[in-house]
PDB file of N, CA and C in Angstrom:
ATOM      1  N   ALA A   1       0.839  -1.187   0.000  1.00  0.00           N
ATOM      2  CA  ALA A   1       0.000   0.000   0.000  1.00  0.00           C
ATOM      3  C   ALA A   1       0.883   1.249   0.000  1.00  0.00           C
ATOM      4  N   ILE A   2       0.388   2.278  -0.603  1.00  0.00           N
ATOM      5  CA  ILE A   2       1.157   3.519  -0.690  1.00  0.00           C
ATOM      6  C   ILE A   2       1.410   4.102   0.689  1.00  0.00           C
ATOM      7  N   SER A   3       0.467   3.931   1.598  1.00  0.00           N
ATOM      8  CA  SER A   3       0.670   4.472   2.945  1.00  0.00           C
ATOM      9  C   SER A   3       1.842   3.792   3.642  1.00  0.00           C
ATOM     10  N   VAL A   4       2.081   2.524   3.350  1.00  0.00           N
ATOM     11  CA  VAL A   4       3.224   1.809   3.932  1.00  0.00           C
ATOM     12  C   VAL A   4       4.521   2.408   3.400  1.00  0.00           C
ATOM     13  N   VAL A   5       4.575   2.641   2.105  1.00  0.00           N
ATOM     14  CA  VAL A   5       5.760   3.247   1.488  1.00  0.00           C
ATOM     15  C   VAL A   5       5.979   4.649   2.046  1.00  0.00           C
ATOM     16  N   ALA A   6       4.912   5.427   2.140  1.00  0.00           N
ATOM     17  CA  ALA A   6       5.027   6.804   2.629  1.00  0.00           C
ATOM     18  C   ALA A   6       5.512   6.848   4.073  1.00  0.00           C
ATOM     19  N   ALA A   7       5.031   5.935   4.895  1.00  0.00           N
ATOM     20  CA  ALA A   7       5.446   5.909   6.299  1.00  0.00           C
ATOM     21  C   ALA A   7       6.883   5.421   6.440  1.00  0.00           C
ATOM     22  N   ALA A   8       7.260   4.441   5.633  1.00  0.00           N
ATOM     23  CA  ALA A   8       8.607   3.875   5.720  1.00  0.00           C
ATOM     24  C   ALA A   8       9.656   4.795   5.108  1.00  0.00           C
ATOM     25  N   ASP A   9       9.295   5.481   4.032  1.00  0.00           N
ATOM     26  CA  ASP A   9      10.233   6.358   3.330  1.00  0.00           C
ATOM     27  C   ASP A   9       9.498   7.625   2.893  1.00  0.00           C
ATOM     28  N   PRO A  10       9.283   8.551   3.825  1.00  0.00           N
ATOM     29  CA  PRO A  10       8.508   9.754   3.508  1.00  0.00           C
ATOM     30  C   PRO A  10       9.072  10.567   2.348  1.00  0.00           C
ATOM     31  N   GLU A  11      10.372  10.567   2.165  1.00  0.00           N
ATOM     32  CA  GLU A  11      10.968  11.342   1.067  1.00  0.00           C
ATOM     33  C   GLU A  11      10.517  10.829  -0.295  1.00  0.00           C
ATOM     34  N   ALA A  12      10.225   9.543  -0.404  1.00  0.00           N
ATOM     35  CA  ALA A  12       9.747   8.969  -1.659  1.00  0.00           C
ATOM     36  C   ALA A  12       8.223   8.864  -1.685  1.00  0.00           C
ATOM     37  N   GLY A  13       7.644   8.451  -0.578  1.00  0.00           N
ATOM     38  CA  GLY A  13       6.216   8.157  -0.542  1.00  0.00           C
ATOM     39  C   GLY A  13       5.307   9.369  -0.505  1.00  0.00           C
ATOM     40  N   LEU A  14       5.689  10.396   0.233  1.00  0.00           N
ATOM     41  CA  LEU A  14       4.818  11.571   0.321  1.00  0.00           C
ATOM     42  C   LEU A  14       4.703  12.305  -1.016  1.00  0.00           C
ATOM     43  N   PRO A  15       5.798  12.497  -1.748  1.00  0.00           N
ATOM     44  CA  PRO A  15       5.648  13.111  -3.079  1.00  0.00           C
ATOM     45  C   PRO A  15       4.778  12.269  -4.020  1.00  0.00           C
ATOM     46  N   LEU A  16       4.832  10.951  -3.873  1.00  0.00           N
ATOM     47  CA  LEU A  16       3.982  10.088  -4.694  1.00  0.00           C
ATOM     48  C   LEU A  16       2.509  10.351  -4.383  1.00  0.00           C
ATOM     49  N   LEU A  17       2.171  10.425  -3.112  1.00  0.00           N
ATOM     50  CA  LEU A  17       0.792  10.753  -2.732  1.00  0.00           C
ATOM     51  C   LEU A  17       0.390  12.130  -3.267  1.00  0.00           C
ATOM     52  N   GLU A  18       1.297  13.080  -3.195  1.00  0.00           N
ATOM     53  CA  GLU A  18       1.009  14.429  -3.693  1.00  0.00           C
ATOM     54  C   GLU A  18       0.767  14.429  -5.201  1.00  0.00           C
ATOM     55  N   ARG A  19       1.564  13.669  -5.943  1.00  0.00           N
ATOM     56  CA  ARG A  19       1.363  13.587  -7.399  1.00  0.00           C
ATOM     57  C   ARG A  19       0.033  12.924  -7.730  1.00  0.00           C
ATOM     58  N   LEU A  20      -0.296  11.863  -7.008  1.00  0.00           N
ATOM     59  CA  LEU A  20      -1.572  11.189  -7.244  1.00  0.00           C
ATOM     60  C   LEU A  20      -2.744  12.110  -6.918  1.00  0.00           C
ATOM     61  N   ALA A  21      -2.629  12.877  -5.856  1.00  0.00           N
ATOM     62  CA  ALA A  21      -3.699  13.798  -5.462  1.00  0.00           C
ATOM     63  C   ALA A  21      -3.906  14.883  -6.514  1.00  0.00           C
ATOM     64  N   ALA A  22      -2.857  15.272  -7.198  1.00  0.00           N
ATOM     65  CA  ALA A  22      -2.946  16.315  -8.223  1.00  0.00           C
ATOM     66  C   ALA A  22      -3.526  15.790  -9.536  1.00  0.00           C
ATOM     67  N   SER A  23      -3.618  14.482  -9.662  1.00  0.00           N
ATOM     68  CA  SER A  23      -4.119  13.861 -10.878  1.00  0.00           C
ATOM     69  C   SER A  23      -5.624  14.071 -11.020  1.00  0.00           C
ATOM     70  N   ASP A  24      -6.095  14.096 -12.251  1.00  0.00           N
ATOM     71  CA  ASP A  24      -7.533  14.173 -12.521  1.00  0.00           C
ATOM     72  C   ASP A  24      -8.183  12.794 -12.545  1.00  0.00           C
ATOM     73  N   ASP A  25      -7.387  11.763 -12.374  1.00  0.00           N
ATOM     74  CA  ASP A  25      -7.867  10.383 -12.402  1.00  0.00           C
ATOM     75  C   ASP A  25      -8.695  10.094 -11.145  1.00  0.00           C
ATOM     76  N   THR A  26      -9.925   9.656 -11.330  1.00  0.00           N
ATOM     77  CA  THR A  26     -10.795   9.396 -10.177  1.00  0.00           C
ATOM     78  C   THR A  26     -10.297   8.231  -9.333  1.00  0.00           C
ATOM     79  N   ASP A  27      -9.665   7.255  -9.961  1.00  0.00           N
ATOM     80  CA  ASP A  27      -9.112   6.136  -9.192  1.00  0.00           C
ATOM     81  C   ASP A  27      -7.955   6.604  -8.321  1.00  0.00           C
ATOM     82  N   ALA A  28      -7.133   7.489  -8.844  1.00  0.00           N
ATOM     83  CA  ALA A  28      -6.018   8.034  -8.064  1.00  0.00           C
ATOM     84  C   ALA A  28      -6.550   8.843  -6.889  1.00  0.00           C
ATOM     85  N   ALA A  29      -7.598   9.618  -7.119  1.00  0.00           N
ATOM     86  CA  ALA A  29      -8.199  10.410  -6.038  1.00  0.00           C
ATOM     87  C   ALA A  29      -8.739   9.496  -4.945  1.00  0.00           C
ATOM     88  N   TRP A  30      -9.394   8.420  -5.347  1.00  0.00           N
ATOM     89  CA  TRP A  30      -9.912   7.452  -4.368  1.00  0.00           C
ATOM     90  C   TRP A  30      -8.768   6.843  -3.573  1.00  0.00           C
ATOM     91  N   LEU A  31      -7.706   6.447  -4.263  1.00  0.00           N
ATOM     92  CA  LEU A  31      -6.548   5.836  -3.612  1.00  0.00           C
ATOM     93  C   LEU A  31      -5.950   6.778  -2.568  1.00  0.00           C
ATOM     94  N   VAL A  32      -5.809   8.032  -2.918  1.00  0.00           N
ATOM     95  CA  VAL A  32      -5.265   9.021  -1.981  1.00  0.00           C
ATOM     96  C   VAL A  32      -6.198   9.175  -0.788  1.00  0.00           C
ATOM     97  N   ARG A  33      -7.488   9.334  -1.042  1.00  0.00           N
ATOM     98  CA  ARG A  33      -8.460   9.487   0.053  1.00  0.00           C
ATOM     99  C   ARG A  33      -8.392   8.315   1.022  1.00  0.00           C
ATOM    100  N   GLU A  34      -8.373   7.113   0.487  1.00  0.00           N
ATOM    101  CA  GLU A  34      -8.331   5.922   1.334  1.00  0.00           C
ATOM    102  C   GLU A  34      -7.041   5.851   2.140  1.00  0.00           C
ATOM    103  N   ASN A  35      -5.943   6.206   1.531  1.00  0.00           N
ATOM    104  CA  ASN A  35      -4.662   6.125   2.224  1.00  0.00           C
ATOM    105  C   ASN A  35      -4.491   7.221   3.263  1.00  0.00           C
ATOM    106  N   LEU A  36      -5.101   8.379   3.048  1.00  0.00           N
ATOM    107  CA  LEU A  36      -5.004   9.458   4.032  1.00  0.00           C
ATOM    108  C   LEU A  36      -5.700   9.098   5.338  1.00  0.00           C
ATOM    109  N   ALA A  37      -6.593   8.127   5.304  1.00  0.00           N
ATOM    110  CA  ALA A  37      -7.303   7.694   6.513  1.00  0.00           C
ATOM    111  C   ALA A  37      -6.469   6.742   7.366  1.00  0.00           C
ATOM    112  N   LYS A  38      -5.345   6.302   6.861  1.00  0.00           N
ATOM    113  CA  LYS A  38      -4.518   5.324   7.575  1.00  0.00           C
ATOM    114  C   LYS A  38      -3.802   5.963   8.758  1.00  0.00           C
ATOM    115  N   ALA A  39      -3.821   5.275   9.880  1.00  0.00           N
ATOM    116  CA  ALA A  39      -3.168   5.767  11.100  1.00  0.00           C
ATOM    117  C   ALA A  39      -1.673   5.971  10.894  1.00  0.00           C
ATOM    118  N   ARG A  40      -1.071   5.167  10.038  1.00  0.00           N
ATOM    119  CA  ARG A  40       0.383   5.277   9.841  1.00  0.00           C
ATOM    120  C   ARG A  40       0.788   6.606   9.208  1.00  0.00           C
ATOM    121  N   LEU A  41      -0.166   7.311   8.620  1.00  0.00           N
ATOM    122  CA  LEU A  41       0.137   8.606   8.006  1.00  0.00           C
ATOM    123  C   LEU A  41      -0.174   9.784   8.925  1.00  0.00           C
ATOM    124  N   LYS A  42      -0.696   9.519  10.110  1.00  0.00           N
ATOM    125  CA  LYS A  42      -1.022  10.598  11.057  1.00  0.00           C
ATOM    126  C   LYS A  42       0.170  11.512  11.348  1.00  0.00           C
ATOM    127  N   PRO A  43       1.406  10.984  11.476  1.00  0.00           N
ATOM    128  CA  PRO A  43       2.540  11.884  11.730  1.00  0.00           C
ATOM    129  C   PRO A  43       2.769  12.915  10.618  1.00  0.00           C
ATOM    130  N   PHE A  44       2.210  12.677   9.455  1.00  0.00           N
ATOM    131  CA  PHE A  44       2.404  13.565   8.312  1.00  0.00           C
ATOM    132  C   PHE A  44       1.140  14.370   8.010  1.00  0.00           C
ATOM    133  N   ALA A  45       0.215  14.413   8.959  1.00  0.00           N
ATOM    134  CA  ALA A  45      -1.099  15.034   8.742  1.00  0.00           C
ATOM    135  C   ALA A  45      -0.996  16.485   8.301  1.00  0.00           C
ATOM    136  N   GLU A  46      -0.075  17.235   8.893  1.00  0.00           N
ATOM    137  CA  GLU A  46       0.038  18.653   8.529  1.00  0.00           C
ATOM    138  C   GLU A  46       0.414  18.801   7.057  1.00  0.00           C
ATOM    139  N   ARG A  47       1.389  18.042   6.617  1.00  0.00           N
ATOM    140  CA  ARG A  47       1.821  18.122   5.214  1.00  0.00           C
ATOM    141  C   ARG A  47       0.737  17.597   4.274  1.00  0.00           C
ATOM    142  N   LEU A  48       0.067  16.535   4.669  1.00  0.00           N
ATOM    143  CA  LEU A  48      -0.894  15.892   3.782  1.00  0.00           C
ATOM    144  C   LEU A  48      -2.289  16.497   3.855  1.00  0.00           C
ATOM    145  N   GLY A  49      -2.524  17.374   4.808  1.00  0.00           N
ATOM    146  CA  GLY A  49      -3.844  17.974   4.965  1.00  0.00           C
ATOM    147  C   GLY A  49      -4.347  18.658   3.714  1.00  0.00           C
ATOM    148  N   ALA A  50      -3.464  19.255   2.959  1.00  0.00           N
ATOM    149  CA  ALA A  50      -3.852  19.952   1.728  1.00  0.00           C
ATOM    150  C   ALA A  50      -4.315  18.986   0.643  1.00  0.00           C
ATOM    151  N   LEU A  51      -4.020  17.705   0.796  1.00  0.00           N
ATOM    152  CA  LEU A  51      -4.397  16.732  -0.228  1.00  0.00           C
ATOM    153  C   LEU A  51      -5.841  16.281  -0.099  1.00  0.00           C
ATOM    154  N   ARG A  52      -6.444  16.532   1.026  1.00  0.00           N
ATOM    155  CA  ARG A  52      -7.818  16.069   1.250  1.00  0.00           C
ATOM    156  C   ARG A  52      -8.772  16.839   0.346  1.00  0.00           C
ATOM    157  N   ARG A  53      -9.488  16.074  -0.466  1.00  0.00           N
ATOM    158  CA  ARG A  53     -10.490  16.659  -1.354  1.00  0.00           C
ATOM    159  C   ARG A  53     -11.809  15.941  -1.101  1.00  0.00           C
ATOM    160  N   PRO A  54     -12.901  16.638  -1.238  1.00  0.00           N
ATOM    161  CA  PRO A  54     -14.190  15.946  -1.101  1.00  0.00           C
ATOM    162  C   PRO A  54     -14.310  14.891  -2.181  1.00  0.00           C
ATOM    163  N   GLY A  55     -14.927  13.801  -1.846  1.00  0.00           N
ATOM    164  CA  GLY A  55     -14.976  12.780  -2.851  1.00  0.00           C
ATOM    165  C   GLY A  55     -16.200  12.027  -2.910  1.00  0.00           C
TER     166      GLY A  55
END
């Protein structure tokens, strides 16, 4: 899961989540939304807060 990668290696994983969030692809938006709910990403909530979009 992307959240596992982001938590294990934030320098690689967080930019990936950011790129997916910027995509117009509805599947990518869903993937980002689902992964932002993961507890393992809570330490990065401030940085990732801007990625939350209504869905």
